[in-house]
Amino acid sequence: MKIKKAVLNSILTQGMMPLFYYEDVEVSLQIIRTLYNAGIRVMEYTNRAKPAFDNFKVLRKAIDKEMADLYFGIGTIKNVSEAEAFVDAGADFIVAPTINPEVAKVAHKHKLLWIPGCMTPTEIYAAQKSGAELVKIFPANVLGPSFISSVKEIFPSLLFMPTGGVEMTPENINAWFHAGVSAVGIGGKLISKDILNNRLYDQLFTDTVNAIELVKTAM
């Protein structure tokens, strides 16, 4: 249970989970280095395209060598074969867009944190039944903070992390934490296509430092 608890604690302490995918592995590594240098200690790489697996293996080796205290998880895991492959490649945790109890079993077998995506109270209940401690509320921009306020009392033992369209503004971040979330997942609003395509690492560093400060203030 050691890594599972450590990853969860890291997410809760950080209050935010950066996530991204990019086909160029060298750019991906520079993005991760920039996030790390800005203070990030837990993040998600998403399994969004065929190169993701080979990229992940390269990135994992670099992280082990350069950033040993960074927890590096894999997202967009929809089936058992993907889950097993990425666990074997060194994923520290598994994030999923849906609830697949078989994927949950893979995570539990390896004593890893499993974070499934949910959009309804029924899905949240199913996630809880499959052993989720932290649930990804997705898509966050469709559901909004008021959804969290409405369901949180029904599931007092669960932790919530909205992902998908969370805005990096004091108003939006404050609204989510005021509603009762434990962390926010941030993808394209932080690691935008512009930053990725134009290698804007300095901008990403500044934006990440600001994002961390925004979240700390709201928590």
C-alpha atoms as a PDB file:
ATOM      1  CA  MET A   1       0.000   0.000   0.000  1.00  0.00           C
ATOM      2  CA  LYS A   2       3.018   2.257   0.377  1.00  0.00           C
ATOM      3  CA  ILE A   3       3.092   3.808  -3.107  1.00  0.00           C
ATOM      4  CA  LYS A   4      -0.699   4.008  -3.295  1.00  0.00           C
ATOM      5  CA  LYS A   5      -0.858   6.062  -0.125  1.00  0.00           C
ATOM      6  CA  ALA A   6       2.170   8.153  -1.103  1.00  0.00           C
ATOM      7  CA  VAL A   7       0.689   9.027  -4.502  1.00  0.00           C
ATOM      8  CA  LEU A   8      -2.680   9.937  -3.002  1.00  0.00           C
ATOM      9  CA  ASN A   9      -1.020  12.080  -0.340  1.00  0.00           C
ATOM     10  CA  SER A  10       1.085  13.789  -2.996  1.00  0.00           C
ATOM     11  CA  ILE A  11      -2.005  14.632  -5.076  1.00  0.00           C
ATOM     12  CA  LEU A  12      -3.817  15.973  -2.016  1.00  0.00           C
ATOM     13  CA  THR A  13      -0.797  18.004  -0.898  1.00  0.00           C
ATOM     14  CA  GLN A  14      -0.164  19.413  -4.369  1.00  0.00           C
ATOM     15  CA  GLY A  15      -3.873  20.068  -4.888  1.00  0.00           C
ATOM     16  CA  MET A  16      -3.542  19.769  -8.649  1.00  0.00           C
ATOM     17  CA  MET A  17      -2.639  17.139 -11.220  1.00  0.00           C
ATOM     18  CA  PRO A  18      -1.035  18.300 -14.467  1.00  0.00           C
ATOM     19  CA  LEU A  19      -1.714  15.976 -17.391  1.00  0.00           C
ATOM     20  CA  PHE A  20      -0.714  15.914 -21.042  1.00  0.00           C
ATOM     21  CA  TYR A  21       0.329  13.862 -24.021  1.00  0.00           C
ATOM     22  CA  TYR A  22       2.641  14.837 -26.875  1.00  0.00           C
ATOM     23  CA  GLU A  23       3.978  12.620 -29.633  1.00  0.00           C
ATOM     24  CA  ASP A  24       7.540  13.993 -29.514  1.00  0.00           C
ATOM     25  CA  VAL A  25       9.254  12.276 -26.602  1.00  0.00           C
ATOM     26  CA  GLU A  26      12.004  14.885 -26.255  1.00  0.00           C
ATOM     27  CA  VAL A  27       9.453  17.681 -25.999  1.00  0.00           C
ATOM     28  CA  SER A  28       7.487  15.559 -23.524  1.00  0.00           C
ATOM     29  CA  LEU A  29      10.597  15.194 -21.377  1.00  0.00           C
ATOM     30  CA  GLN A  30      11.261  18.936 -21.441  1.00  0.00           C
ATOM     31  CA  ILE A  31       7.661  19.575 -20.403  1.00  0.00           C
ATOM     32  CA  ILE A  32       8.061  17.175 -17.475  1.00  0.00           C
ATOM     33  CA  ARG A  33      11.364  18.770 -16.455  1.00  0.00           C
ATOM     34  CA  THR A  34       9.728  22.203 -16.555  1.00  0.00           C
ATOM     35  CA  LEU A  35       6.786  21.061 -14.440  1.00  0.00           C
ATOM     36  CA  TYR A  36       9.180  19.442 -11.979  1.00  0.00           C
ATOM     37  CA  ASN A  37      11.377  22.528 -11.720  1.00  0.00           C
ATOM     38  CA  ALA A  38       8.269  24.603 -11.047  1.00  0.00           C
ATOM     39  CA  GLY A  39       7.421  22.389  -8.080  1.00  0.00           C
ATOM     40  CA  ILE A  40       5.274  19.548  -9.442  1.00  0.00           C
ATOM     41  CA  ARG A  41       5.791  16.166  -7.753  1.00  0.00           C
ATOM     42  CA  VAL A  42       2.936  14.111  -9.193  1.00  0.00           C
ATOM     43  CA  MET A  43       1.614  14.168 -12.762  1.00  0.00           C
ATOM     44  CA  GLU A  44      -0.163  12.139 -15.427  1.00  0.00           C
ATOM     45  CA  TYR A  45       0.915  11.251 -18.963  1.00  0.00           C
ATOM     46  CA  THR A  46      -2.081  10.312 -21.080  1.00  0.00           C
ATOM     47  CA  ASN A  47      -2.375   7.260 -23.306  1.00  0.00           C
ATOM     48  CA  ARG A  48      -3.891   9.238 -26.171  1.00  0.00           C
ATOM     49  CA  ALA A  49      -2.061   7.839 -29.211  1.00  0.00           C
ATOM     50  CA  LYS A  50       0.053   4.917 -30.350  1.00  0.00           C
ATOM     51  CA  PRO A  51       3.467   6.428 -29.421  1.00  0.00           C
ATOM     52  CA  ALA A  52       2.337   6.909 -25.806  1.00  0.00           C
ATOM     53  CA  PHE A  53       3.605   3.534 -24.606  1.00  0.00           C
ATOM     54  CA  ASP A  54       7.108   3.818 -26.090  1.00  0.00           C
ATOM     55  CA  ASN A  55       7.274   7.440 -24.947  1.00  0.00           C
ATOM     56  CA  PHE A  56       6.255   6.438 -21.434  1.00  0.00           C
ATOM     57  CA  LYS A  57       9.084   3.921 -21.154  1.00  0.00           C
ATOM     58  CA  VAL A  58      11.667   6.513 -22.222  1.00  0.00           C
ATOM     59  CA  LEU A  59      10.210   9.141 -19.894  1.00  0.00           C
ATOM     60  CA  ARG A  60      10.101   6.706 -16.978  1.00  0.00           C
ATOM     61  CA  LYS A  61      13.836   6.011 -17.300  1.00  0.00           C
ATOM     62  CA  ALA A  62      14.656   9.712 -17.440  1.00  0.00           C
ATOM     63  CA  ILE A  63      12.453  10.458 -14.427  1.00  0.00           C
ATOM     64  CA  ASP A  64      14.069   7.679 -12.395  1.00  0.00           C
ATOM     65  CA  LYS A  65      17.460   9.152 -13.213  1.00  0.00           C
ATOM     66  CA  GLU A  66      16.744  12.873 -12.835  1.00  0.00           C
ATOM     67  CA  MET A  67      13.547  13.283 -10.783  1.00  0.00           C
ATOM     68  CA  ALA A  68      13.362  10.333  -8.405  1.00  0.00           C
ATOM     69  CA  ASP A  69      10.738  11.993  -6.158  1.00  0.00           C
ATOM     70  CA  LEU A  70       8.259  12.590  -9.002  1.00  0.00           C
ATOM     71  CA  TYR A  71       5.252  10.253  -9.104  1.00  0.00           C
ATOM     72  CA  PHE A  72       4.509   9.522 -12.759  1.00  0.00           C
ATOM     73  CA  GLY A  73       1.154   7.987 -13.650  1.00  0.00           C
ATOM     74  CA  ILE A  74      -0.619   6.970 -16.829  1.00  0.00           C
ATOM     75  CA  GLY A  75      -4.036   8.212 -17.912  1.00  0.00           C
ATOM     76  CA  THR A  76      -6.692   7.233 -20.468  1.00  0.00           C
ATOM     77  CA  ILE A  77      -6.471   3.553 -19.531  1.00  0.00           C
ATOM     78  CA  LYS A  78      -9.596   1.775 -20.722  1.00  0.00           C
ATOM     79  CA  ASN A  79      -8.781  -1.949 -20.624  1.00  0.00           C
ATOM     80  CA  VAL A  80      -6.757  -4.599 -18.807  1.00  0.00           C
ATOM     81  CA  SER A  81      -4.065  -5.024 -21.479  1.00  0.00           C
ATOM     82  CA  GLU A  82      -3.264  -1.293 -21.402  1.00  0.00           C
ATOM     83  CA  ALA A  83      -3.242  -1.304 -17.614  1.00  0.00           C
ATOM     84  CA  GLU A  84      -0.899  -4.288 -17.344  1.00  0.00           C
ATOM     85  CA  ALA A  85       1.454  -2.942 -20.019  1.00  0.00           C
ATOM     86  CA  PHE A  86       1.858   0.457 -18.368  1.00  0.00           C
ATOM     87  CA  VAL A  87       2.186  -1.025 -14.875  1.00  0.00           C
ATOM     88  CA  ASP A  88       4.999  -3.207 -16.226  1.00  0.00           C
ATOM     89  CA  ALA A  89       6.534  -0.052 -17.728  1.00  0.00           C
ATOM     90  CA  GLY A  90       6.590   1.574 -14.293  1.00  0.00           C
ATOM     91  CA  ALA A  91       3.389   3.600 -13.922  1.00  0.00           C
ATOM     92  CA  ASP A  92       2.989   4.833 -10.349  1.00  0.00           C
ATOM     93  CA  PHE A  93      -0.803   5.090 -10.661  1.00  0.00           C
ATOM     94  CA  ILE A  94      -3.622   4.606 -13.185  1.00  0.00           C
ATOM     95  CA  VAL A  95      -6.175   7.188 -14.321  1.00  0.00           C
ATOM     96  CA  ALA A  96      -9.148   6.166 -16.452  1.00  0.00           C
ATOM     97  CA  PRO A  97     -11.871   8.055 -18.334  1.00  0.00           C
ATOM     98  CA  THR A  98     -14.407   5.362 -17.403  1.00  0.00           C
ATOM     99  CA  ILE A  99     -15.119   2.713 -14.777  1.00  0.00           C
ATOM    100  CA  ASN A 100     -13.781  -0.677 -15.750  1.00  0.00           C
ATOM    101  CA  PRO A 101     -13.798  -2.981 -12.703  1.00  0.00           C
ATOM    102  CA  GLU A 102     -11.193  -5.190 -14.405  1.00  0.00           C
ATOM    103  CA  VAL A 103      -8.790  -2.242 -14.678  1.00  0.00           C
ATOM    104  CA  ALA A 104      -9.485  -1.534 -11.011  1.00  0.00           C
ATOM    105  CA  LYS A 105      -8.470  -5.111 -10.202  1.00  0.00           C
ATOM    106  CA  VAL A 106      -5.152  -4.646 -12.024  1.00  0.00           C
ATOM    107  CA  ALA A 107      -4.435  -1.513  -9.977  1.00  0.00           C
ATOM    108  CA  HIS A 108      -5.421  -3.192  -6.715  1.00  0.00           C
ATOM    109  CA  LYS A 109      -3.342  -6.275  -7.542  1.00  0.00           C
ATOM    110  CA  HIS A 110      -0.261  -4.086  -7.917  1.00  0.00           C
ATOM    111  CA  LYS A 111      -1.269  -1.937  -4.912  1.00  0.00           C
ATOM    112  CA  LEU A 112      -1.550   1.183  -7.076  1.00  0.00           C
ATOM    113  CA  LEU A 113      -3.978   4.080  -6.919  1.00  0.00           C
ATOM    114  CA  TRP A 114      -6.799   3.858  -9.502  1.00  0.00           C
ATOM    115  CA  ILE A 115      -8.605   7.103 -10.391  1.00  0.00           C
ATOM    116  CA  PRO A 116     -11.677   6.471 -12.589  1.00  0.00           C
ATOM    117  CA  GLY A 117     -13.662   9.117 -14.449  1.00  0.00           C
ATOM    118  CA  CYS A 118     -17.292   9.658 -13.436  1.00  0.00           C
ATOM    119  CA  MET A 119     -20.137  11.921 -14.561  1.00  0.00           C
ATOM    120  CA  THR A 120     -23.169  10.713 -12.549  1.00  0.00           C
ATOM    121  CA  PRO A 121     -23.959   9.613  -8.982  1.00  0.00           C
ATOM    122  CA  THR A 122     -24.494   6.075 -10.303  1.00  0.00           C
ATOM    123  CA  GLU A 123     -21.002   6.059 -11.805  1.00  0.00           C
ATOM    124  CA  ILE A 124     -19.518   7.489  -8.608  1.00  0.00           C
ATOM    125  CA  TYR A 125     -21.201   4.693  -6.638  1.00  0.00           C
ATOM    126  CA  ALA A 126     -19.862   2.095  -9.086  1.00  0.00           C
ATOM    127  CA  ALA A 127     -16.369   3.544  -8.740  1.00  0.00           C
ATOM    128  CA  GLN A 128     -16.629   3.371  -4.971  1.00  0.00           C
ATOM    129  CA  LYS A 129     -17.817  -0.241  -5.159  1.00  0.00           C
ATOM    130  CA  SER A 130     -14.713  -1.048  -7.250  1.00  0.00           C
ATOM    131  CA  GLY A 131     -12.407   0.424  -4.611  1.00  0.00           C
ATOM    132  CA  ALA A 132     -11.803   3.999  -5.802  1.00  0.00           C
ATOM    133  CA  GLU A 133     -10.693   6.454  -3.145  1.00  0.00           C
ATOM    134  CA  LEU A 134     -10.254   9.423  -5.474  1.00  0.00           C
ATOM    135  CA  VAL A 135     -12.718   9.969  -8.339  1.00  0.00           C
ATOM    136  CA  LYS A 136     -12.093  12.072 -11.431  1.00  0.00           C
ATOM    137  CA  ILE A 137     -15.170  14.177 -12.200  1.00  0.00           C
ATOM    138  CA  PHE A 138     -15.170  14.476 -15.990  1.00  0.00           C
ATOM    139  CA  PRO A 139     -15.880  16.595 -17.964  1.00  0.00           C
ATOM    140  CA  ALA A 140     -15.590  19.225 -15.254  1.00  0.00           C
ATOM    141  CA  ASN A 141     -16.565  22.198 -17.416  1.00  0.00           C
ATOM    142  CA  VAL A 142     -19.891  20.526 -18.273  1.00  0.00           C
ATOM    143  CA  LEU A 143     -20.740  19.536 -14.684  1.00  0.00           C
ATOM    144  CA  GLY A 144     -19.430  22.575 -12.778  1.00  0.00           C
ATOM    145  CA  PRO A 145     -18.677  23.111  -9.064  1.00  0.00           C
ATOM    146  CA  SER A 146     -22.369  22.935  -8.122  1.00  0.00           C
ATOM    147  CA  PHE A 147     -22.361  19.251  -9.107  1.00  0.00           C
ATOM    148  CA  ILE A 148     -19.694  18.551  -6.467  1.00  0.00           C
ATOM    149  CA  SER A 149     -21.697  20.466  -3.855  1.00  0.00           C
ATOM    150  CA  SER A 150     -24.741  18.348  -4.694  1.00  0.00           C
ATOM    151  CA  VAL A 151     -23.101  14.898  -4.552  1.00  0.00           C
ATOM    152  CA  LYS A 152     -20.404  15.318  -1.915  1.00  0.00           C
ATOM    153  CA  GLU A 153     -22.716  14.685   1.045  1.00  0.00           C
ATOM    154  CA  ILE A 154     -23.945  11.438  -0.546  1.00  0.00           C
ATOM    155  CA  PHE A 155     -20.368  10.114  -0.740  1.00  0.00           C
ATOM    156  CA  PRO A 156     -18.651  11.486   2.388  1.00  0.00           C
ATOM    157  CA  SER A 157     -15.733   9.049   2.246  1.00  0.00           C
ATOM    158  CA  LEU A 158     -14.790   9.787  -1.380  1.00  0.00           C
ATOM    159  CA  LEU A 159     -12.374  12.393  -2.680  1.00  0.00           C
ATOM    160  CA  PHE A 160     -13.107  14.322  -5.884  1.00  0.00           C
ATOM    161  CA  MET A 161     -10.842  15.749  -8.593  1.00  0.00           C
ATOM    162  CA  PRO A 162     -12.565  17.637 -11.444  1.00  0.00           C
ATOM    163  CA  THR A 163     -10.736  17.337 -14.770  1.00  0.00           C
ATOM    164  CA  GLY A 164     -11.472  18.735 -18.205  1.00  0.00           C
ATOM    165  CA  GLY A 165     -11.906  22.476 -18.657  1.00  0.00           C
ATOM    166  CA  VAL A 166     -10.832  23.604 -15.169  1.00  0.00           C
ATOM    167  CA  GLU A 167      -9.893  27.259 -15.675  1.00  0.00           C
ATOM    168  CA  MET A 168      -6.704  28.687 -14.201  1.00  0.00           C
ATOM    169  CA  THR A 169      -8.428  31.707 -12.670  1.00  0.00           C
ATOM    170  CA  PRO A 170      -8.882  32.527  -8.973  1.00  0.00           C
ATOM    171  CA  GLU A 171     -12.670  32.507  -9.437  1.00  0.00           C
ATOM    172  CA  ASN A 172     -12.823  29.037 -10.977  1.00  0.00           C
ATOM    173  CA  ILE A 173     -10.235  27.408  -8.705  1.00  0.00           C
ATOM    174  CA  ASN A 174     -11.830  28.920  -5.597  1.00  0.00           C
ATOM    175  CA  ALA A 175     -15.276  27.743  -6.731  1.00  0.00           C
ATOM    176  CA  TRP A 176     -14.089  24.140  -7.105  1.00  0.00           C
ATOM    177  CA  PHE A 177     -12.370  23.987  -3.721  1.00  0.00           C
ATOM    178  CA  HIS A 178     -15.244  25.802  -2.027  1.00  0.00           C
ATOM    179  CA  ALA A 179     -17.540  23.101  -3.463  1.00  0.00           C
ATOM    180  CA  GLY A 180     -15.427  20.456  -1.742  1.00  0.00           C
ATOM    181  CA  VAL A 181     -12.931  19.017  -4.225  1.00  0.00           C
ATOM    182  CA  SER A 182      -9.604  17.646  -2.969  1.00  0.00           C
ATOM    183  CA  ALA A 183      -7.590  18.504  -6.097  1.00  0.00           C
ATOM    184  CA  VAL A 184      -8.072  19.652  -9.687  1.00  0.00           C
ATOM    185  CA  GLY A 185      -6.802  18.006 -12.847  1.00  0.00           C
ATOM    186  CA  ILE A 186      -5.367  20.479 -15.344  1.00  0.00           C
ATOM    187  CA  GLY A 187      -4.450  19.629 -18.925  1.00  0.00           C
ATOM    188  CA  GLY A 188      -4.756  21.968 -21.888  1.00  0.00           C
ATOM    189  CA  LYS A 189      -5.474  25.032 -19.766  1.00  0.00           C
ATOM    190  CA  LEU A 190      -1.919  24.732 -18.426  1.00  0.00           C
ATOM    191  CA  ILE A 191      -0.036  22.669 -21.009  1.00  0.00           C
ATOM    192  CA  SER A 192      -1.628  24.142 -24.117  1.00  0.00           C
ATOM    193  CA  LYS A 193      -1.066  23.158 -27.736  1.00  0.00           C
ATOM    194  CA  ASP A 194       0.720  26.487 -28.190  1.00  0.00           C
ATOM    195  CA  ILE A 195       3.169  25.655 -25.396  1.00  0.00           C
ATOM    196  CA  LEU A 196       3.749  22.159 -26.772  1.00  0.00           C
ATOM    197  CA  ASN A 197       4.072  23.080 -30.442  1.00  0.00           C
ATOM    198  CA  ASN A 198       6.209  26.160 -29.865  1.00  0.00           C
ATOM    199  CA  ARG A 199       8.298  24.774 -26.991  1.00  0.00           C
ATOM    200  CA  LEU A 200       7.336  27.629 -24.650  1.00  0.00           C
ATOM    201  CA  TYR A 201       9.028  26.159 -21.590  1.00  0.00           C
ATOM    202  CA  ASP A 202       9.623  29.471 -19.803  1.00  0.00           C
ATOM    203  CA  GLN A 203       5.951  30.338 -20.108  1.00  0.00           C
ATOM    204  CA  LEU A 204       4.980  26.903 -18.800  1.00  0.00           C
ATOM    205  CA  PHE A 205       7.305  27.326 -15.822  1.00  0.00           C
ATOM    206  CA  THR A 206       5.744  30.684 -14.912  1.00  0.00           C
ATOM    207  CA  ASP A 207       2.203  29.437 -15.480  1.00  0.00           C
ATOM    208  CA  THR A 208       2.833  26.343 -13.331  1.00  0.00           C
ATOM    209  CA  VAL A 209       4.265  28.365 -10.446  1.00  0.00           C
ATOM    210  CA  ASN A 210       1.203  30.619 -10.650  1.00  0.00           C
ATOM    211  CA  ALA A 211      -1.149  27.619 -10.826  1.00  0.00           C
ATOM    212  CA  ILE A 212       0.415  26.045  -7.733  1.00  0.00           C
ATOM    213  CA  GLU A 213      -0.002  29.350  -5.878  1.00  0.00           C
ATOM    214  CA  LEU A 214      -3.631  29.680  -7.037  1.00  0.00           C
ATOM    215  CA  VAL A 215      -4.423  26.201  -5.762  1.00  0.00           C
ATOM    216  CA  LYS A 216      -2.608  26.662  -2.446  1.00  0.00           C
ATOM    217  CA  THR A 217      -4.580  29.861  -1.832  1.00  0.00           C
ATOM    218  CA  ALA A 218      -7.875  28.113  -2.613  1.00  0.00           C
ATOM    219  CA  MET A 219      -7.268  24.920  -0.603  1.00  0.00           C
END
